[in-house]
Amino acid sequence: MIDSYISYLRDVRRMSPNTVESYARDLSALAAFAERRGRGVETLDRRDLEAFARQLTSTGHSPRSTARAVATVRGFYRFLAGDRRIASDPAEDLRAPRAWPALPKYLAADEVDRLLGQPDVTQPRGMRDKALLEVLYATGLRVSELLSLRPGDVNVSGGYLTCIGKGDKERMVPIGRTACDWVRRYLAEARPALLRKGKSPWLFVNARGGALSRVGFWKLLKEYGIKAGVSRELSPHVLRHSFATHLLERGADLRAIQVMLGHADLSTTQIYTHVLEARLRAVYDKYHPRK
């Protein structure tokens, strides 16, 4: 059926060789998809075709190439229906899935370990930085939420903190034992040394006892990233993405991650499922003997 359609495009529609080749490539991918499901292309239904479109997105196809492939599929099934080779057109109004501008960048677990191991915890500043990084990775907070924490916002005995997110909405986020231990040590040993008998309403303070700024935090994160060998595009948001991706990899519920990240809509959190799909596909392509 695919050969018949390609002949139609070449001989009747008189499409250019390059265009015909593109159509053939897209339909070859559709045929391979159908074969993996033990089906013929003429038996695929709307749900199958939507899954095929999602697969294109998750395996690294650009939005433009995905949209072209979906258009090819629509034309193919329209041809089959018009030629009465199938009873109805399953691809009518089929659309490419919503394209994210880019998959979020995140660190591997060993890269996070190296990054968290960089601060010199024998010094007040290093102990503060250690607590900062541990809390960020343990909670996935936005940098503005992290730096606006007050000492009373972190309940180290209960293992949770409260923060004010977007839209001035307060949320409660669990925090692991390791991060709690470093916050406890920072409050007891490093923060008083940084304040030098002064006072501050903020949990994390700079070397002069004032509020730690976003620029200051970005600077120290870059420094530690270079030392850890993970400086590529490192930002506070990369650690936030790492937090969410690592939780999802280990079986966490997507809605629980949504609450912890403070996303108003689950669709925002679902971008992390695309990360896993792309990663699984890369692993499959690398290791499966009959990929």
Protein backbone atom coordinates (compact mmCIF):
# COMPACT_ATOMS: atom_id res chain seq x y z
CA MET A 1 0.00 0.00 0.00
CA ILE A 2 2.84 2.36 0.77
CA ASP A 3 4.51 1.55 -2.54
CA SER A 4 1.25 2.26 -4.33
CA TYR A 5 0.93 5.65 -2.61
CA ILE A 6 4.55 6.57 -3.38
CA SER A 7 3.98 5.69 -7.04
CA TYR A 8 0.89 7.90 -7.01
CA LEU A 9 2.88 10.82 -5.60
CA ARG A 10 5.65 10.36 -8.15
CA ASP A 11 3.68 9.54 -11.29
CA VAL A 12 0.33 11.27 -10.78
CA ARG A 13 1.04 14.13 -8.43
CA ARG A 14 4.45 14.68 -10.10
CA MET A 15 6.14 15.55 -6.82
CA SER A 16 9.87 16.23 -6.80
CA PRO A 17 12.23 13.33 -6.02
CA ASN A 18 13.28 14.94 -2.72
CA THR A 19 9.67 15.33 -1.59
CA VAL A 20 8.82 11.77 -2.56
CA GLU A 21 11.87 10.55 -0.66
CA SER A 22 10.74 12.43 2.46
CA TYR A 23 7.26 10.90 2.20
CA ALA A 24 8.76 7.44 1.74
CA ARG A 25 10.97 7.89 4.80
CA ASP A 26 8.05 8.96 6.99
CA LEU A 27 5.88 6.08 5.82
CA SER A 28 8.74 3.64 6.34
CA ALA A 29 8.80 4.78 9.97
CA LEU A 30 5.03 4.23 10.15
CA ALA A 31 5.43 0.71 8.71
CA ALA A 32 8.12 -0.10 11.29
CA PHE A 33 5.85 1.20 14.05
CA ALA A 34 3.00 -1.01 12.80
CA GLU A 35 5.30 -4.03 12.55
CA ARG A 36 6.41 -3.61 16.17
CA ARG A 37 2.75 -3.81 17.10
CA GLY A 38 2.22 -6.88 14.94
CA ARG A 39 -0.14 -4.99 12.65
CA GLY A 40 -0.42 -3.88 9.06
CA VAL A 41 -0.56 -0.16 8.34
CA GLU A 42 -4.12 -0.56 7.02
CA THR A 43 -5.31 -1.83 10.43
CA LEU A 44 -3.94 1.03 12.55
CA ASP A 45 -6.63 3.12 14.25
CA ARG A 46 -6.68 6.70 15.51
CA ARG A 47 -5.17 5.79 18.88
CA ASP A 48 -2.30 3.98 17.16
CA LEU A 49 -1.58 6.97 14.95
CA GLU A 50 -1.60 9.36 17.91
CA ALA A 51 0.90 7.04 19.63
CA PHE A 52 3.05 7.12 16.50
CA ALA A 53 2.99 10.93 16.52
CA ARG A 54 3.98 11.01 20.20
CA GLN A 55 6.82 8.58 19.48
CA LEU A 56 8.21 10.94 16.86
CA THR A 57 8.31 13.74 19.42
CA SER A 58 9.83 11.61 22.18
CA THR A 59 12.60 10.23 19.94
CA GLY A 60 14.06 13.62 19.16
CA HIS A 61 12.30 14.66 15.95
CA SER A 62 12.05 18.41 15.60
CA PRO A 63 8.55 19.98 15.69
CA ARG A 64 8.88 20.69 11.97
CA SER A 65 9.82 17.12 10.99
CA THR A 66 7.09 15.70 13.26
CA ALA A 67 4.49 17.96 11.67
CA ARG A 68 5.67 16.90 8.20
CA ALA A 69 5.44 13.21 9.10
CA VAL A 70 1.92 13.64 10.50
CA ALA A 71 0.89 15.44 7.30
CA THR A 72 2.34 12.53 5.31
CA VAL A 73 0.31 10.06 7.37
CA ARG A 74 -2.87 12.07 6.81
CA GLY A 75 -2.29 12.11 3.05
CA PHE A 76 -1.55 8.39 2.99
CA TYR A 77 -4.76 7.37 4.77
CA ARG A 78 -6.81 9.85 2.77
CA PHE A 79 -5.46 8.10 -0.35
CA LEU A 80 -6.34 4.65 1.03
CA ALA A 81 -9.86 5.74 1.98
CA GLY A 82 -10.40 7.41 -1.38
CA ASP A 83 -9.20 4.26 -3.14
CA ARG A 84 -11.57 2.20 -0.93
CA ARG A 85 -8.72 0.15 0.48
CA ILE A 86 -9.90 0.98 4.00
CA ALA A 87 -13.44 1.57 5.24
CA SER A 88 -12.76 4.87 7.00
CA ASP A 89 -9.93 7.37 7.41
CA PRO A 90 -8.33 6.99 10.90
CA ALA A 91 -6.00 9.97 10.32
CA GLU A 92 -8.65 12.58 9.57
CA ASP A 93 -7.72 15.77 11.46
CA LEU A 94 -4.70 14.03 13.03
CA ARG A 95 -2.38 16.66 14.49
CA ALA A 96 1.18 16.60 15.75
CA PRO A 97 1.39 16.64 19.57
CA ARG A 98 2.10 19.95 21.25
CA ALA A 99 5.82 20.59 20.89
CA TRP A 100 7.85 21.71 23.88
CA PRO A 101 10.50 24.28 22.98
CA ALA A 102 13.17 22.02 24.48
CA LEU A 103 13.48 19.17 26.91
CA PRO A 104 14.71 20.33 30.31
CA LYS A 105 18.39 19.83 31.01
CA TYR A 106 19.27 17.87 34.12
CA LEU A 107 22.26 16.24 35.81
CA ALA A 108 22.90 12.55 36.23
CA ALA A 109 22.88 11.29 39.81
CA ASP A 110 26.68 10.98 39.94
CA GLU A 111 27.04 14.55 38.65
CA VAL A 112 24.78 15.77 41.46
CA ASP A 113 26.90 13.85 43.97
CA ARG A 114 30.07 15.50 42.68
CA LEU A 115 28.46 18.94 42.78
CA LEU A 116 27.17 18.51 46.33
CA GLY A 117 30.61 17.35 47.43
CA GLN A 118 32.39 20.56 46.40
CA PRO A 119 31.73 23.04 49.27
CA ASP A 120 34.39 23.18 52.01
CA VAL A 121 32.24 22.49 55.04
CA THR A 122 35.07 23.36 57.44
CA GLN A 123 34.36 27.02 56.62
CA PRO A 124 31.13 28.94 57.41
CA ARG A 125 30.61 29.92 53.77
CA GLY A 126 31.18 26.36 52.60
CA MET A 127 28.74 24.98 55.16
CA ARG A 128 26.14 27.53 54.03
CA ASP A 129 26.68 26.53 50.41
CA LYS A 130 26.44 22.85 51.27
CA ALA A 131 23.09 23.46 53.01
CA LEU A 132 21.91 25.58 50.07
CA LEU A 133 22.67 22.94 47.46
CA GLU A 134 21.30 20.09 49.54
CA VAL A 135 18.02 21.93 50.11
CA LEU A 136 17.72 22.87 46.44
CA TYR A 137 18.23 19.32 45.21
CA ALA A 138 16.09 17.84 48.00
CA THR A 139 13.08 20.06 47.28
CA GLY A 140 13.28 21.34 43.70
CA LEU A 141 12.53 24.89 44.83
CA ARG A 142 12.80 27.82 42.45
CA VAL A 143 15.81 30.00 43.27
CA SER A 144 13.55 32.85 44.41
CA GLU A 145 11.73 30.47 46.76
CA LEU A 146 15.02 29.13 48.12
CA LEU A 147 16.54 32.53 48.86
CA SER A 148 13.36 33.89 50.47
CA LEU A 149 13.24 31.10 53.08
CA ARG A 150 13.26 32.17 56.72
CA PRO A 151 14.68 30.02 59.52
CA GLY A 152 11.20 29.16 60.74
CA ASP A 153 10.14 27.91 57.32
CA VAL A 154 12.23 24.74 57.64
CA ASN A 155 10.97 22.16 60.11
CA VAL A 156 14.04 19.96 60.45
CA SER A 157 12.41 17.65 62.99
CA GLY A 158 9.31 17.16 60.86
CA GLY A 159 11.19 16.89 57.57
CA TYR A 160 9.36 19.56 55.58
CA LEU A 161 9.49 23.23 54.69
CA THR A 162 6.98 25.83 53.61
CA CYS A 163 7.63 28.38 50.87
CA ILE A 164 5.82 31.08 48.95
CA GLY A 165 5.67 30.30 45.24
CA LYS A 166 4.21 31.94 42.16
CA GLY A 167 1.02 33.88 42.76
CA ASP A 168 1.94 34.20 46.44
CA LYS A 169 0.72 30.65 46.99
CA GLU A 170 2.14 28.86 50.01
CA ARG A 171 3.00 25.19 49.70
CA MET A 172 4.57 22.54 51.88
CA VAL A 173 7.42 20.46 50.47
CA PRO A 174 9.03 17.39 52.09
CA ILE A 175 12.77 17.60 52.67
CA GLY A 176 15.08 14.65 53.19
CA ARG A 177 17.08 13.79 56.28
CA THR A 178 20.43 14.67 54.71
CA ALA A 179 19.32 18.19 53.76
CA CYS A 180 17.72 18.65 57.20
CA ASP A 181 20.96 17.65 58.91
CA TRP A 182 22.94 20.22 56.90
CA VAL A 183 20.40 22.96 57.63
CA ARG A 184 20.64 22.11 61.32
CA ARG A 185 24.43 22.31 61.24
CA TYR A 186 24.36 25.53 59.23
CA LEU A 187 21.98 27.18 61.72
CA ALA A 188 24.08 26.08 64.69
CA GLU A 189 27.58 26.69 63.36
CA ALA A 190 27.81 28.73 60.14
CA ARG A 191 24.95 31.24 60.17
CA PRO A 192 25.97 32.84 63.50
CA ALA A 193 29.54 33.22 62.17
CA LEU A 194 28.30 34.87 58.96
CA LEU A 195 25.95 37.23 60.86
CA ARG A 196 28.69 38.26 63.33
CA LYS A 197 26.19 38.97 66.11
CA GLY A 198 23.91 40.75 63.64
CA LYS A 199 20.36 39.76 62.72
CA SER A 200 18.65 38.78 59.47
CA PRO A 201 15.15 37.52 58.69
CA TRP A 202 16.51 35.24 55.97
CA LEU A 203 17.72 31.69 56.37
CA PHE A 204 20.63 31.97 53.94
CA VAL A 205 22.84 35.04 54.33
CA ASN A 206 25.92 36.28 52.51
CA ALA A 207 29.44 36.69 53.90
CA ARG A 208 28.54 40.13 55.27
CA GLY A 209 25.41 38.96 57.01
CA GLY A 210 23.02 40.37 54.42
CA ALA A 211 20.52 38.59 52.20
CA LEU A 212 22.06 36.23 49.64
CA SER A 213 21.17 37.52 46.16
CA ARG A 214 20.20 35.56 43.06
CA VAL A 215 23.39 36.76 41.35
CA GLY A 216 25.46 35.66 44.32
CA PHE A 217 23.89 32.22 44.29
CA TRP A 218 24.36 31.80 40.52
CA LYS A 219 28.01 32.76 40.92
CA LEU A 220 28.74 30.20 43.63
CA LEU A 221 26.84 27.51 41.74
CA LYS A 222 28.93 28.15 38.63
CA GLU A 223 32.12 27.94 40.68
CA TYR A 224 31.17 24.59 42.17
CA GLY A 225 29.99 23.33 38.80
CA ILE A 226 33.40 24.05 37.26
CA LYS A 227 35.16 22.25 40.11
CA ALA A 228 32.81 19.26 39.78
CA GLY A 229 33.18 19.14 36.00
CA VAL A 230 29.46 19.74 35.40
CA SER A 231 29.60 23.41 34.41
CA ARG A 232 27.70 22.96 31.13
CA GLU A 233 24.72 25.30 31.27
CA LEU A 234 24.45 24.75 35.02
CA SER A 235 21.80 26.85 36.73
CA PRO A 236 19.49 26.56 39.76
CA HIS A 237 16.76 25.40 37.39
CA VAL A 238 18.94 22.51 36.20
CA LEU A 239 18.96 21.21 39.78
CA ARG A 240 15.18 21.71 39.92
CA HIS A 241 14.86 19.65 36.74
CA SER A 242 17.24 17.04 38.19
CA PHE A 243 15.09 16.77 41.33
CA ALA A 244 11.92 16.12 39.31
CA THR A 245 13.52 13.78 36.77
CA HIS A 246 15.24 11.64 39.38
CA LEU A 247 12.02 11.30 41.38
CA LEU A 248 10.10 10.24 38.29
CA GLU A 249 12.82 7.75 37.33
CA ARG A 250 12.45 6.10 40.71
CA GLY A 251 8.68 5.74 40.45
CA ALA A 252 7.29 8.90 42.04
CA ASP A 253 3.75 9.87 41.13
CA LEU A 254 3.53 12.70 38.61
CA ARG A 255 0.84 14.52 40.59
CA ALA A 256 2.97 14.41 43.74
CA ILE A 257 5.85 15.96 41.78
CA GLN A 258 3.44 18.61 40.47
CA VAL A 259 2.54 19.60 44.04
CA MET A 260 6.14 19.67 45.18
CA LEU A 261 7.22 21.83 42.23
CA GLY A 262 4.28 24.18 42.68
CA HIS A 263 2.96 23.75 39.13
CA ALA A 264 -0.60 24.99 38.72
CA ASP A 265 -1.26 22.63 35.80
CA LEU A 266 -0.24 18.97 35.48
CA SER A 267 0.56 19.53 31.79
CA THR A 268 3.56 21.62 32.88
CA THR A 269 4.90 18.73 34.94
CA GLN A 270 4.34 16.25 32.11
CA ILE A 271 7.40 17.58 30.29
CA TYR A 272 9.44 15.28 32.54
CA THR A 273 7.73 12.23 31.02
CA HIS A 274 9.15 13.36 27.67
CA VAL A 275 12.61 13.34 29.27
CA LEU A 276 12.15 9.73 30.33
CA GLU A 277 10.74 8.70 26.96
CA ALA A 278 13.72 10.20 25.15
CA ARG A 279 16.14 8.58 27.57
CA LEU A 280 14.49 5.16 27.31
CA ARG A 281 14.60 5.38 23.54
CA ALA A 282 18.29 6.24 23.60
CA VAL A 283 18.99 3.24 25.87
CA TYR A 284 16.92 0.97 23.63
CA ASP A 285 18.69 2.10 20.47
CA LYS A 286 22.08 1.62 22.11
CA TYR A 287 21.58 -1.81 23.65
CA HIS A 288 18.81 -3.72 21.89
CA PRO A 289 20.29 -6.19 19.38
CA ARG A 290 17.38 -5.83 16.96
CA LYS A 291 16.48 -2.16 17.37
